[in-house]
Amino acid sequence: MMTHPETVLQLLAPLLLAGGWVLHAHRLYRRLHRVRRDPLTGLLTRDGWSRAADRIIRRHSGAVVLLADLNGFKAVNDRHGHDAGDAVLAAAGERLAAWCGKNEVAGRLGGDEFVAVLADDTRLPDRLADLAELLRQPVAHNGEQLRVGASIGAARLAELETPTLTAALKAADGAMYRIKGRTRRGRRLLVPALAAVRRLPVSLAHRFRLAA
């Protein structure tokens, strides 16, 4: 005949087992949640952001995907060290998250590349200009004022032949690199202009160089 403590343990065993699984599941969920969050910036990583972006795209026909790359980030890393680079990345992530509004989600794809999805394109040019200016603001670190620029490409889902997240990221990436080739910290670069000059007839190209 089982004693009273043995009876209690037998009755509680299924509950204890279930409780153990609940605790395990909770820890697993927290671990997965951390994996989907970039530990440096607190933004969603590629996988977590992609899931959130897909939900927004399905619900909002006017959704926009944007891709941002920090100009001059490597120079900050090389000159001031990786701690300074981390400070710049953390500040960029915080500013991008603050810039995003309701139904908008930011993420970090890796390195100095950030991404966001917007529910609509209301005031898009003005908003992108505001974001570029925000990312250009100096970051204080160990008595230094660290500065980087930003190239931002955007793609409206409604304008794409295939309105998917993959297609939008590809289009935003192309737009970003076109901007990156043309400007740096808002200043026009000479490389594209010189390439255009090379395609001109010799006489016109000569005049262009003299005028410049």
Protein backbone atom coordinates (compact mmCIF):
# COMPACT_ATOMS: atom_id res chain seq x y z
CA MET A 1 0.00 0.00 0.00
CA MET A 2 1.38 3.41 -1.05
CA THR A 3 2.05 5.92 1.63
CA HIS A 4 0.50 9.38 1.44
CA PRO A 5 3.67 11.12 0.06
CA GLU A 6 3.99 8.47 -2.65
CA THR A 7 0.36 9.01 -3.64
CA VAL A 8 0.89 12.75 -3.87
CA LEU A 9 3.99 12.33 -6.03
CA GLN A 10 2.18 9.94 -8.33
CA LEU A 11 -0.67 12.37 -8.76
CA LEU A 12 1.65 15.32 -9.30
CA ALA A 13 4.02 13.56 -11.71
CA PRO A 14 2.02 14.41 -14.88
CA LEU A 15 1.72 18.01 -13.74
CA LEU A 16 5.43 18.25 -12.99
CA LEU A 17 6.23 16.73 -16.39
CA ALA A 18 3.89 19.16 -18.13
CA GLY A 19 5.37 22.02 -16.16
CA GLY A 20 8.83 21.00 -17.23
CA TRP A 21 7.80 21.03 -20.86
CA VAL A 22 6.17 24.44 -20.43
CA LEU A 23 9.37 25.80 -18.91
CA HIS A 24 11.41 24.26 -21.71
CA ALA A 25 9.09 25.70 -24.35
CA HIS A 26 9.27 29.13 -22.70
CA ARG A 27 13.07 29.07 -22.69
CA LEU A 28 13.11 27.90 -26.31
CA TYR A 29 10.76 30.74 -27.30
CA ARG A 30 12.97 33.30 -25.54
CA ARG A 31 16.05 31.86 -27.28
CA LEU A 32 14.37 32.06 -30.69
CA HIS A 33 13.20 35.59 -29.90
CA ARG A 34 16.78 36.61 -29.13
CA VAL A 35 17.98 35.04 -32.38
CA ARG A 36 15.48 37.15 -34.30
CA ARG A 37 16.75 40.31 -32.57
CA ASP A 38 20.11 41.80 -33.38
CA PRO A 39 21.91 42.05 -30.02
CA LEU A 40 23.72 45.26 -30.98
CA THR A 41 20.84 47.37 -32.31
CA GLY A 42 17.81 45.58 -30.91
CA LEU A 43 16.30 45.48 -34.40
CA LEU A 44 14.86 42.37 -35.98
CA THR A 45 17.33 40.21 -37.89
CA ARG A 46 16.65 39.15 -41.50
CA ASP A 47 14.40 36.23 -40.60
CA GLY A 48 12.30 38.04 -38.03
CA TRP A 49 12.03 41.17 -40.15
CA SER A 50 11.05 39.20 -43.26
CA ARG A 51 8.18 37.57 -41.38
CA ALA A 52 6.93 40.93 -40.13
CA ALA A 53 7.39 42.57 -43.53
CA ASP A 54 5.41 39.81 -45.27
CA ARG A 55 2.50 40.41 -42.90
CA ILE A 56 2.53 44.16 -43.58
CA ILE A 57 2.77 43.65 -47.35
CA ARG A 58 -0.23 41.29 -47.33
CA ARG A 59 -2.35 43.79 -45.39
CA HIS A 60 -1.33 47.05 -47.09
CA SER A 61 -1.38 47.45 -50.87
CA GLY A 62 0.60 50.70 -50.67
CA ALA A 63 3.51 49.16 -48.76
CA VAL A 64 7.08 50.35 -49.36
CA VAL A 65 10.35 48.53 -48.69
CA LEU A 66 13.52 50.52 -48.13
CA LEU A 67 17.16 49.57 -47.81
CA ALA A 68 19.74 51.84 -46.17
CA ASP A 69 23.52 51.58 -46.22
CA LEU A 70 25.83 53.75 -44.12
CA ASN A 71 28.41 55.69 -46.15
CA GLY A 72 31.78 56.09 -44.49
CA PHE A 73 31.20 53.37 -41.92
CA LYS A 74 34.39 51.48 -42.82
CA ALA A 75 36.42 54.65 -42.34
CA VAL A 76 34.99 55.06 -38.82
CA ASN A 77 35.88 51.44 -38.02
CA ASP A 78 39.40 51.78 -39.41
CA ARG A 79 40.16 55.08 -37.74
CA HIS A 80 38.42 54.75 -34.38
CA GLY A 81 38.10 50.99 -33.86
CA HIS A 82 35.29 48.47 -33.75
CA ASP A 83 33.80 49.88 -30.54
CA ALA A 84 33.22 53.14 -32.37
CA GLY A 85 31.73 51.26 -35.30
CA ASP A 86 29.39 49.43 -32.93
CA ALA A 87 28.33 52.77 -31.42
CA VAL A 88 27.46 54.07 -34.88
CA LEU A 89 25.48 50.94 -35.73
CA ALA A 90 23.61 51.04 -32.42
CA ALA A 91 22.74 54.71 -32.94
CA ALA A 92 21.60 54.06 -36.52
CA GLY A 93 19.37 51.22 -35.36
CA GLU A 94 17.86 53.34 -32.59
CA ARG A 95 17.20 56.23 -34.96
CA LEU A 96 15.68 54.02 -37.63
CA ALA A 97 13.39 52.37 -35.09
CA ALA A 98 12.31 55.78 -33.76
CA TRP A 99 11.69 57.00 -37.32
CA CYS A 100 9.38 54.08 -38.06
CA GLY A 101 5.76 54.69 -37.18
CA LYS A 102 2.73 52.49 -36.69
CA ASN A 103 2.60 49.49 -39.03
CA GLU A 104 6.27 50.04 -39.91
CA VAL A 105 9.08 47.66 -38.97
CA ALA A 106 12.85 48.14 -39.10
CA GLY A 107 15.55 45.48 -39.24
CA ARG A 108 19.26 44.94 -39.67
CA LEU A 109 20.34 42.62 -42.46
CA GLY A 110 23.97 42.59 -41.34
CA GLY A 111 27.03 44.83 -41.37
CA ASP A 112 25.95 48.43 -41.91
CA GLU A 113 22.88 47.51 -43.96
CA PHE A 114 19.45 48.30 -42.55
CA VAL A 115 15.96 47.69 -43.85
CA ALA A 116 12.41 48.82 -43.16
CA VAL A 117 8.92 48.25 -44.46
CA LEU A 118 6.27 50.99 -44.46
CA ALA A 119 2.53 50.48 -44.67
CA ASP A 120 2.07 53.25 -47.25
CA ASP A 121 4.01 55.78 -49.30
CA THR A 122 2.50 58.93 -47.80
CA ARG A 123 5.09 61.75 -47.99
CA LEU A 124 7.71 59.18 -48.99
CA PRO A 125 10.29 61.59 -50.50
CA ASP A 126 10.10 63.87 -47.45
CA ARG A 127 10.28 60.96 -45.06
CA LEU A 128 13.33 59.47 -46.80
CA ALA A 129 15.04 62.86 -46.68
CA ASP A 130 14.26 63.08 -42.95
CA LEU A 131 15.71 59.62 -42.40
CA ALA A 132 18.88 60.43 -44.33
CA GLU A 133 19.35 63.56 -42.26
CA LEU A 134 18.69 61.63 -39.06
CA LEU A 135 21.31 59.02 -39.91
CA ARG A 136 23.83 61.75 -40.77
CA GLN A 137 23.67 63.24 -37.28
CA PRO A 138 26.95 62.74 -35.35
CA VAL A 139 27.32 59.96 -32.80
CA ALA A 140 29.18 60.86 -29.59
CA HIS A 141 31.73 58.21 -28.58
CA ASN A 142 34.69 58.58 -26.21
CA GLY A 143 34.85 62.32 -26.73
CA GLU A 144 34.66 62.00 -30.53
CA GLN A 145 31.86 63.03 -32.86
CA LEU A 146 31.52 60.18 -35.34
CA ARG A 147 29.84 60.97 -38.64
CA VAL A 148 28.56 58.77 -41.44
CA GLY A 149 26.25 59.35 -44.36
CA ALA A 150 23.44 57.17 -45.68
CA SER A 151 22.27 55.92 -49.06
CA ILE A 152 18.62 54.87 -49.03
CA GLY A 153 16.78 53.03 -51.79
CA ALA A 154 13.02 52.47 -51.74
CA ALA A 155 10.62 50.30 -53.71
CA ARG A 156 6.84 50.65 -53.84
CA LEU A 157 5.21 47.23 -53.99
CA ALA A 158 2.40 48.54 -56.21
CA GLU A 159 4.92 49.52 -58.89
CA LEU A 160 6.55 46.10 -59.12
CA GLU A 161 5.62 43.53 -61.75
CA THR A 162 5.81 40.88 -59.01
CA PRO A 163 4.75 42.52 -55.73
CA THR A 164 6.68 40.27 -53.36
CA LEU A 165 9.14 41.02 -50.58
CA THR A 166 11.98 39.44 -52.54
CA ALA A 167 11.27 41.60 -55.58
CA ALA A 168 10.92 44.72 -53.42
CA LEU A 169 14.26 44.10 -51.70
CA LYS A 170 15.94 43.63 -55.07
CA ALA A 171 14.43 46.85 -56.42
CA ALA A 172 15.32 48.80 -53.26
CA ASP A 173 18.87 47.43 -53.43
CA GLY A 174 19.22 48.62 -57.03
CA ALA A 175 17.86 52.05 -56.13
CA MET A 176 20.22 52.29 -53.17
CA TYR A 177 23.30 51.53 -55.23
CA ARG A 178 22.27 54.04 -57.89
CA ILE A 179 22.05 56.66 -55.16
CA LYS A 180 25.28 55.47 -53.57
CA GLY A 181 27.10 55.96 -56.86
CA ARG A 182 25.71 59.46 -57.26
CA THR A 183 26.01 60.95 -53.81
CA ARG A 184 27.94 60.67 -50.61
CA ARG A 185 26.78 62.67 -47.59
CA GLY A 186 24.58 64.60 -49.98
CA ARG A 187 27.45 65.68 -52.27
CA ARG A 188 27.49 64.75 -55.94
CA LEU A 189 30.37 62.50 -56.96
CA LEU A 190 32.35 62.97 -60.16
CA VAL A 191 32.55 59.34 -61.24
CA PRO A 192 29.14 59.10 -62.99
CA ALA A 193 29.64 62.52 -64.58
CA LEU A 194 33.02 61.53 -65.97
CA ALA A 195 31.55 58.28 -67.28
CA ALA A 196 28.90 60.29 -69.10
CA VAL A 197 31.58 62.56 -70.56
CA ARG A 198 33.46 59.57 -71.94
CA ARG A 199 30.37 58.59 -73.93
CA LEU A 200 30.15 62.03 -75.59
CA PRO A 201 31.78 62.86 -78.95
CA VAL A 202 35.39 64.00 -78.49
CA SER A 203 34.69 67.65 -79.31
CA LEU A 204 31.77 67.90 -76.86
CA ALA A 205 33.66 66.08 -74.15
CA HIS A 206 36.54 68.52 -74.55
CA ARG A 207 34.17 71.46 -74.14
CA PHE A 208 32.59 69.86 -71.07
CA ARG A 209 35.96 69.48 -69.38
CA LEU A 210 36.90 73.07 -70.16
CA ALA A 211 33.59 74.31 -68.80
CA ALA A 212 34.00 72.22 -65.66
